[in-house]
Amino acid sequence: EVIAFAQQCGWPIIIKPVNGAGSLQVHKLFS
């Protein structure tokens, strides 16, 4: 589902927990 979203809106994208704070597990993905 992450890949499908990126294919729809274009790379790069960010994925992270929906309730994150303090920059925990924030990922910028290019491919």
PDB file of all heavy atoms in Angstrom:
ATOM      1  N   GLU A   1       0.827  -1.210   0.000  1.00  0.00           N
ATOM      2  CA  GLU A   1       0.000   0.000   0.000  1.00  0.00           C
ATOM      3  C   GLU A   1       0.864   1.265   0.000  1.00  0.00           C
ATOM      4  O   GLU A   1       0.467   2.289  -0.569  1.00  0.00           O
ATOM      5  CB  GLU A   1      -0.937  -0.015   1.211  1.00  0.00           C
ATOM      6  CG  GLU A   1      -2.025  -1.083   1.107  1.00  0.00           C
ATOM      7  CD  GLU A   1      -3.015  -1.007   2.253  1.00  0.00           C
ATOM      8  OE1 GLU A   1      -2.954  -0.049   3.055  1.00  0.00           O
ATOM      9  OE2 GLU A   1      -3.864  -1.921   2.360  1.00  0.00           O
ATOM     10  N   VAL A   2       2.024   1.198   0.625  1.00  0.00           N
ATOM     11  CA  VAL A   2       2.955   2.329   0.576  1.00  0.00           C
ATOM     12  C   VAL A   2       3.395   2.574  -0.862  1.00  0.00           C
ATOM     13  O   VAL A   2       3.397   3.716  -1.352  1.00  0.00           O
ATOM     14  CB  VAL A   2       4.191   2.062   1.461  1.00  0.00           C
ATOM     15  CG1 VAL A   2       5.211   3.192   1.304  1.00  0.00           C
ATOM     16  CG2 VAL A   2       3.782   1.921   2.920  1.00  0.00           C
ATOM     17  N   ILE A   3       3.762   1.513  -1.556  1.00  0.00           N
ATOM     18  CA  ILE A   3       4.214   1.630  -2.947  1.00  0.00           C
ATOM     19  C   ILE A   3       3.099   2.154  -3.839  1.00  0.00           C
ATOM     20  O   ILE A   3       3.317   3.019  -4.699  1.00  0.00           O
ATOM     21  CB  ILE A   3       4.730   0.265  -3.448  1.00  0.00           C
ATOM     22  CG1 ILE A   3       6.010  -0.115  -2.684  1.00  0.00           C
ATOM     23  CG2 ILE A   3       4.989   0.303  -4.953  1.00  0.00           C
ATOM     24  CD1 ILE A   3       6.470  -1.542  -2.931  1.00  0.00           C
ATOM     25  N   ALA A   4       1.884   1.661  -3.623  1.00  0.00           N
ATOM     26  CA  ALA A   4       0.752   2.125  -4.430  1.00  0.00           C
ATOM     27  C   ALA A   4       0.511   3.612  -4.236  1.00  0.00           C
ATOM     28  O   ALA A   4       0.228   4.345  -5.188  1.00  0.00           O
ATOM     29  CB  ALA A   4      -0.499   1.326  -4.063  1.00  0.00           C
ATOM     30  N   PHE A   5       0.650   4.088  -2.987  1.00  0.00           N
ATOM     31  CA  PHE A   5       0.487   5.520  -2.718  1.00  0.00           C
ATOM     32  C   PHE A   5       1.557   6.325  -3.433  1.00  0.00           C
ATOM     33  O   PHE A   5       1.270   7.359  -4.059  1.00  0.00           O
ATOM     34  CB  PHE A   5       0.550   5.780  -1.216  1.00  0.00           C
ATOM     35  CG  PHE A   5       0.616   7.238  -0.853  1.00  0.00           C
ATOM     36  CD1 PHE A   5      -0.513   8.033  -0.912  1.00  0.00           C
ATOM     37  CD2 PHE A   5       1.817   7.824  -0.475  1.00  0.00           C
ATOM     38  CE1 PHE A   5      -0.459   9.389  -0.601  1.00  0.00           C
ATOM     39  CE2 PHE A   5       1.888   9.172  -0.158  1.00  0.00           C
ATOM     40  CZ  PHE A   5       0.745   9.953  -0.219  1.00  0.00           C
ATOM     41  N   ALA A   6       2.819   5.871  -3.359  1.00  0.00           N
ATOM     42  CA  ALA A   6       3.918   6.594  -4.001  1.00  0.00           C
ATOM     43  C   ALA A   6       3.749   6.629  -5.516  1.00  0.00           C
ATOM     44  O   ALA A   6       4.052   7.640  -6.162  1.00  0.00           O
ATOM     45  CB  ALA A   6       5.246   5.954  -3.630  1.00  0.00           C
ATOM     46  N   GLN A   7       3.257   5.553  -6.080  1.00  0.00           N
ATOM     47  CA  GLN A   7       3.042   5.525  -7.528  1.00  0.00           C
ATOM     48  C   GLN A   7       1.939   6.497  -7.933  1.00  0.00           C
ATOM     49  O   GLN A   7       1.962   7.047  -9.040  1.00  0.00           O
ATOM     50  CB  GLN A   7       2.692   4.102  -7.965  1.00  0.00           C
ATOM     51  CG  GLN A   7       3.867   3.140  -7.877  1.00  0.00           C
ATOM     52  CD  GLN A   7       3.481   1.694  -8.154  1.00  0.00           C
ATOM     53  OE1 GLN A   7       2.300   1.318  -8.022  1.00  0.00           O
ATOM     54  NE2 GLN A   7       4.449   0.873  -8.519  1.00  0.00           N
ATOM     55  N   GLN A   8       1.014   6.735  -7.033  1.00  0.00           N
ATOM     56  CA  GLN A   8      -0.081   7.650  -7.322  1.00  0.00           C
ATOM     57  C   GLN A   8       0.340   9.112  -7.193  1.00  0.00           C
ATOM     58  O   GLN A   8      -0.001   9.941  -8.044  1.00  0.00           O
ATOM     59  CB  GLN A   8      -1.248   7.369  -6.373  1.00  0.00           C
ATOM     60  CG  GLN A   8      -2.447   8.289  -6.578  1.00  0.00           C
ATOM     61  CD  GLN A   8      -3.549   8.023  -5.574  1.00  0.00           C
ATOM     62  OE1 GLN A   8      -3.335   7.365  -4.559  1.00  0.00           O
ATOM     63  NE2 GLN A   8      -4.735   8.526  -5.849  1.00  0.00           N
ATOM     64  N   CYS A   9       1.111   9.446  -6.128  1.00  0.00           N
ATOM     65  CA  CYS A   9       1.434  10.856  -5.884  1.00  0.00           C
ATOM     66  C   CYS A   9       2.856  11.228  -6.273  1.00  0.00           C
ATOM     67  O   CYS A   9       3.181  12.415  -6.373  1.00  0.00           O
ATOM     68  CB  CYS A   9       1.188  11.218  -4.421  1.00  0.00           C
ATOM     69  SG  CYS A   9       2.431  10.585  -3.286  1.00  0.00           S
ATOM     70  N   GLY A  10       3.712  10.228  -6.507  1.00  0.00           N
ATOM     71  CA  GLY A  10       5.086  10.480  -6.916  1.00  0.00           C
ATOM     72  C   GLY A  10       6.075  10.428  -5.759  1.00  0.00           C
ATOM     73  O   GLY A  10       5.743  10.782  -4.630  1.00  0.00           O
ATOM     74  N   TRP A  11       7.280   9.942  -6.068  1.00  0.00           N
ATOM     75  CA  TRP A  11       8.357   9.924  -5.090  1.00  0.00           C
ATOM     76  C   TRP A  11       8.997  11.313  -5.019  1.00  0.00           C
ATOM     77  O   TRP A  11       8.948  12.051  -5.991  1.00  0.00           O
ATOM     78  CB  TRP A  11       9.414   8.881  -5.475  1.00  0.00           C
ATOM     79  CG  TRP A  11       8.902   7.487  -5.632  1.00  0.00           C
ATOM     80  CD1 TRP A  11       8.462   6.903  -6.790  1.00  0.00           C
ATOM     81  CD2 TRP A  11       8.771   6.490  -4.616  1.00  0.00           C
ATOM     82  NE1 TRP A  11       8.068   5.604  -6.564  1.00  0.00           N
ATOM     83  CE2 TRP A  11       8.251   5.313  -5.235  1.00  0.00           C
ATOM     84  CE3 TRP A  11       9.057   6.465  -3.252  1.00  0.00           C
ATOM     85  CZ2 TRP A  11       8.011   4.149  -4.534  1.00  0.00           C
ATOM     86  CZ3 TRP A  11       8.827   5.287  -2.555  1.00  0.00           C
ATOM     87  CH2 TRP A  11       8.302   4.152  -3.180  1.00  0.00           C
ATOM     88  N   PRO A  12       9.640  11.664  -3.885  1.00  0.00           N
ATOM     89  CA  PRO A  12       9.758  10.927  -2.627  1.00  0.00           C
ATOM     90  C   PRO A  12       8.515  11.081  -1.760  1.00  0.00           C
ATOM     91  O   PRO A  12       7.704  11.981  -1.974  1.00  0.00           O
ATOM     92  CB  PRO A  12      10.972  11.584  -1.958  1.00  0.00           C
ATOM     93  CG  PRO A  12      10.945  12.989  -2.449  1.00  0.00           C
ATOM     94  CD  PRO A  12      10.436  12.925  -3.860  1.00  0.00           C
ATOM     95  N   ILE A  13       8.423  10.190  -0.766  1.00  0.00           N
ATOM     96  CA  ILE A  13       7.332  10.242   0.202  1.00  0.00           C
ATOM     97  C   ILE A  13       7.907  10.115   1.608  1.00  0.00           C
ATOM     98  O   ILE A  13       9.084   9.784   1.789  1.00  0.00           O
ATOM     99  CB  ILE A  13       6.297   9.128  -0.030  1.00  0.00           C
ATOM    100  CG1 ILE A  13       6.950   7.746   0.168  1.00  0.00           C
ATOM    101  CG2 ILE A  13       5.650   9.246  -1.405  1.00  0.00           C
ATOM    102  CD1 ILE A  13       5.964   6.600   0.229  1.00  0.00           C
ATOM    103  N   ILE A  14       7.067  10.401   2.582  1.00  0.00           N
ATOM    104  CA  ILE A  14       7.401  10.204   3.997  1.00  0.00           C
ATOM    105  C   ILE A  14       6.487   9.120   4.550  1.00  0.00           C
ATOM    106  O   ILE A  14       5.285   9.117   4.273  1.00  0.00           O
ATOM    107  CB  ILE A  14       7.187  11.497   4.812  1.00  0.00           C
ATOM    108  CG1 ILE A  14       8.121  12.609   4.341  1.00  0.00           C
ATOM    109  CG2 ILE A  14       7.351  11.232   6.310  1.00  0.00           C
ATOM    110  CD1 ILE A  14       9.565  12.432   4.727  1.00  0.00           C
ATOM    111  N   ILE A  15       7.057   8.185   5.330  1.00  0.00           N
ATOM    112  CA  ILE A  15       6.206   7.282   6.110  1.00  0.00           C
ATOM    113  C   ILE A  15       6.615   7.400   7.572  1.00  0.00           C
ATOM    114  O   ILE A  15       7.796   7.578   7.891  1.00  0.00           O
ATOM    115  CB  ILE A  15       6.223   5.812   5.634  1.00  0.00           C
ATOM    116  CG1 ILE A  15       7.592   5.164   5.861  1.00  0.00           C
ATOM    117  CG2 ILE A  15       5.799   5.713   4.191  1.00  0.00           C
ATOM    118  CD1 ILE A  15       7.556   3.639   5.667  1.00  0.00           C
ATOM    119  N   LYS A  16       5.617   7.305   8.462  1.00  0.00           N
ATOM    120  CA  LYS A  16       5.858   7.450   9.894  1.00  0.00           C
ATOM    121  C   LYS A  16       4.659   6.904  10.655  1.00  0.00           C
ATOM    122  O   LYS A  16       3.581   6.703  10.074  1.00  0.00           O
ATOM    123  CB  LYS A  16       6.088   8.921  10.255  1.00  0.00           C
ATOM    124  CG  LYS A  16       4.953   9.861   9.823  1.00  0.00           C
ATOM    125  CD  LYS A  16       5.338  11.318  10.034  1.00  0.00           C
ATOM    126  CE  LYS A  16       4.243  12.248   9.544  1.00  0.00           C
ATOM    127  NZ  LYS A  16       4.611  13.682   9.704  1.00  0.00           N
ATOM    128  N   PRO A  17       4.799   6.666  11.968  1.00  0.00           N
ATOM    129  CA  PRO A  17       3.649   6.223  12.767  1.00  0.00           C
ATOM    130  C   PRO A  17       2.590   7.324  12.822  1.00  0.00           C
ATOM    131  O   PRO A  17       2.924   8.516  12.849  1.00  0.00           O
ATOM    132  CB  PRO A  17       4.251   5.975  14.153  1.00  0.00           C
ATOM    133  CG  PRO A  17       5.723   5.866  13.925  1.00  0.00           C
ATOM    134  CD  PRO A  17       6.038   6.735  12.765  1.00  0.00           C
ATOM    135  N   VAL A  18       1.331   6.934  12.854  1.00  0.00           N
ATOM    136  CA  VAL A  18       0.277   7.945  12.867  1.00  0.00           C
ATOM    137  C   VAL A  18       0.261   8.749  14.164  1.00  0.00           C
ATOM    138  O   VAL A  18      -0.267   9.859  14.199  1.00  0.00           O
ATOM    139  CB  VAL A  18      -1.128   7.328  12.637  1.00  0.00           C
ATOM    140  CG1 VAL A  18      -1.235   6.685  11.277  1.00  0.00           C
ATOM    141  CG2 VAL A  18      -1.487   6.358  13.745  1.00  0.00           C
ATOM    142  N   ASN A  19       0.848   8.218  15.223  1.00  0.00           N
ATOM    143  CA  ASN A  19       0.847   8.937  16.505  1.00  0.00           C
ATOM    144  C   ASN A  19       2.261   9.216  16.988  1.00  0.00           C
ATOM    145  O   ASN A  19       2.514   9.296  18.179  1.00  0.00           O
ATOM    146  CB  ASN A  19       0.065   8.172  17.565  1.00  0.00           C
ATOM    147  CG  ASN A  19       0.745   6.865  17.935  1.00  0.00           C
ATOM    148  OD1 ASN A  19       1.419   6.253  17.106  1.00  0.00           O
ATOM    149  ND2 ASN A  19       0.565   6.419  19.158  1.00  0.00           N
ATOM    150  N   GLY A  20       3.189   9.408  16.070  1.00  0.00           N
ATOM    151  CA  GLY A  20       4.576   9.633  16.450  1.00  0.00           C
ATOM    152  C   GLY A  20       4.825  11.025  16.987  1.00  0.00           C
ATOM    153  O   GLY A  20       4.041  11.953  16.801  1.00  0.00           O
ATOM    154  N   ALA A  21       5.955  11.170  17.671  1.00  0.00           N
ATOM    155  CA  ALA A  21       6.405  12.462  18.183  1.00  0.00           C
ATOM    156  C   ALA A  21       7.922  12.401  18.320  1.00  0.00           C
ATOM    157  O   ALA A  21       8.516  11.326  18.359  1.00  0.00           O
ATOM    158  CB  ALA A  21       5.758  12.769  19.536  1.00  0.00           C
ATOM    159  N   GLY A  22       8.562  13.573  18.386  1.00  0.00           N
ATOM    160  CA  GLY A  22       9.998  13.616  18.611  1.00  0.00           C
ATOM    161  C   GLY A  22      10.834  13.057  17.482  1.00  0.00           C
ATOM    162  O   GLY A  22      11.930  12.557  17.706  1.00  0.00           O
ATOM    163  N   SER A  23      10.328  13.113  16.238  1.00  0.00           N
ATOM    164  CA  SER A  23      11.041  12.628  15.050  1.00  0.00           C
ATOM    165  C   SER A  23      11.288  11.125  15.083  1.00  0.00           C
ATOM    166  O   SER A  23      12.155  10.620  14.363  1.00  0.00           O
ATOM    167  CB  SER A  23      12.388  13.363  14.878  1.00  0.00           C
ATOM    168  OG  SER A  23      12.223  14.755  14.831  1.00  0.00           O
ATOM    169  N   LEU A  24      10.525  10.389  15.892  1.00  0.00           N
ATOM    170  CA  LEU A  24      10.701   8.946  15.969  1.00  0.00           C
ATOM    171  C   LEU A  24      10.210   8.271  14.689  1.00  0.00           C
ATOM    172  O   LEU A  24       9.072   8.450  14.270  1.00  0.00           O
ATOM    173  CB  LEU A  24       9.930   8.383  17.171  1.00  0.00           C
ATOM    174  CG  LEU A  24      10.534   8.624  18.550  1.00  0.00           C
ATOM    175  CD1 LEU A  24       9.518   8.277  19.628  1.00  0.00           C
ATOM    176  CD2 LEU A  24      11.802   7.804  18.728  1.00  0.00           C
ATOM    177  N   GLN A  25      11.106   7.501  14.073  1.00  0.00           N
ATOM    178  CA  GLN A  25      10.777   6.657  12.917  1.00  0.00           C
ATOM    179  C   GLN A  25      10.114   7.433  11.782  1.00  0.00           C
ATOM    180  O   GLN A  25       9.092   7.016  11.227  1.00  0.00           O
ATOM    181  CB  GLN A  25       9.902   5.488  13.367  1.00  0.00           C
ATOM    182  CG  GLN A  25      10.630   4.472  14.218  1.00  0.00           C
ATOM    183  CD  GLN A  25      11.696   3.696  13.464  1.00  0.00           C
ATOM    184  OE1 GLN A  25      11.780   3.738  12.243  1.00  0.00           O
ATOM    185  NE2 GLN A  25      12.528   2.985  14.205  1.00  0.00           N
ATOM    186  N   VAL A  26      10.707   8.563  11.421  1.00  0.00           N
ATOM    187  CA  VAL A  26      10.273   9.316  10.249  1.00  0.00           C
ATOM    188  C   VAL A  26      11.213   8.955   9.100  1.00  0.00           C
ATOM    189  O   VAL A  26      12.423   9.161   9.196  1.00  0.00           O
ATOM    190  CB  VAL A  26      10.301  10.834  10.501  1.00  0.00           C
ATOM    191  CG1 VAL A  26       9.900  11.590   9.236  1.00  0.00           C
ATOM    192  CG2 VAL A  26       9.369  11.190  11.653  1.00  0.00           C
ATOM    193  N   HIS A  27      10.663   8.409   8.019  1.00  0.00           N
ATOM    194  CA  HIS A  27      11.474   7.914   6.903  1.00  0.00           C
ATOM    195  C   HIS A  27      11.101   8.633   5.606  1.00  0.00           C
ATOM    196  O   HIS A  27       9.921   8.679   5.240  1.00  0.00           O
ATOM    197  CB  HIS A  27      11.267   6.410   6.714  1.00  0.00           C
ATOM    198  CG  HIS A  27      11.675   5.581   7.893  1.00  0.00           C
ATOM    199  ND1 HIS A  27      12.908   4.969   7.995  1.00  0.00           N
ATOM    200  CD2 HIS A  27      11.010   5.272   9.036  1.00  0.00           C
ATOM    201  CE1 HIS A  27      12.984   4.315   9.137  1.00  0.00           C
ATOM    202  NE2 HIS A  27      11.843   4.485   9.788  1.00  0.00           N
ATOM    203  N   LYS A  28      12.103   9.164   4.932  1.00  0.00           N
ATOM    204  CA  LYS A  28      11.912   9.707   3.589  1.00  0.00           C
ATOM    205  C   LYS A  28      12.353   8.647   2.589  1.00  0.00           C
ATOM    206  O   LYS A  28      13.495   8.178   2.630  1.00  0.00           O
ATOM    207  CB  LYS A  28      12.727  10.991   3.411  1.00  0.00           C
ATOM    208  CG  LYS A  28      12.538  11.665   2.050  1.00  0.00           C
ATOM    209  CD  LYS A  28      13.392  12.919   1.951  1.00  0.00           C
ATOM    210  CE  LYS A  28      13.221  13.615   0.610  1.00  0.00           C
ATOM    211  NZ  LYS A  28      14.102  14.827   0.515  1.00  0.00           N
ATOM    212  N   LEU A  29      11.449   8.277   1.707  1.00  0.00           N
ATOM    213  CA  LEU A  29      11.708   7.181   0.772  1.00  0.00           C
ATOM    214  C   LEU A  29      11.725   7.693  -0.658  1.00  0.00           C
ATOM    215  O   LEU A  29      10.871   8.475  -1.066  1.00  0.00           O
ATOM    216  CB  LEU A  29      10.633   6.099   0.922  1.00  0.00           C
ATOM    217  CG  LEU A  29      10.397   5.572   2.356  1.00  0.00           C
ATOM    218  CD1 LEU A  29       9.316   4.501   2.339  1.00  0.00           C
ATOM    219  CD2 LEU A  29      11.687   5.041   2.958  1.00  0.00           C
ATOM    220  N   PHE A  30      12.708   7.205  -1.416  1.00  0.00           N
ATOM    221  CA  PHE A  30      12.880   7.645  -2.793  1.00  0.00           C
ATOM    222  C   PHE A  30      12.512   6.568  -3.810  1.00  0.00           C
ATOM    223  O   PHE A  30      12.345   6.872  -4.992  1.00  0.00           O
ATOM    224  CB  PHE A  30      14.336   8.061  -3.031  1.00  0.00           C
ATOM    225  CG  PHE A  30      14.757   9.277  -2.254  1.00  0.00           C
ATOM    226  CD1 PHE A  30      15.237   9.155  -0.956  1.00  0.00           C
ATOM    227  CD2 PHE A  30      14.668  10.542  -2.813  1.00  0.00           C
ATOM    228  CE1 PHE A  30      15.628  10.269  -0.240  1.00  0.00           C
ATOM    229  CE2 PHE A  30      15.058  11.666  -2.102  1.00  0.00           C
ATOM    230  CZ  PHE A  30      15.535  11.528  -0.812  1.00  0.00           C
ATOM    231  N   SER A  31      12.419   5.301  -3.365  1.00  0.00           N
ATOM    232  CA  SER A  31      12.168   4.214  -4.315  1.00  0.00           C
ATOM    233  C   SER A  31      11.533   3.030  -3.609  1.00  0.00           C
ATOM    234  O   SER A  31      11.518   2.950  -2.366  1.00  0.00           O
ATOM    235  CB  SER A  31      13.479   3.768  -4.970  1.00  0.00           C
ATOM    236  OG  SER A  31      14.330   3.138  -4.018  1.00  0.00           O
TER     237      SER A  31
END
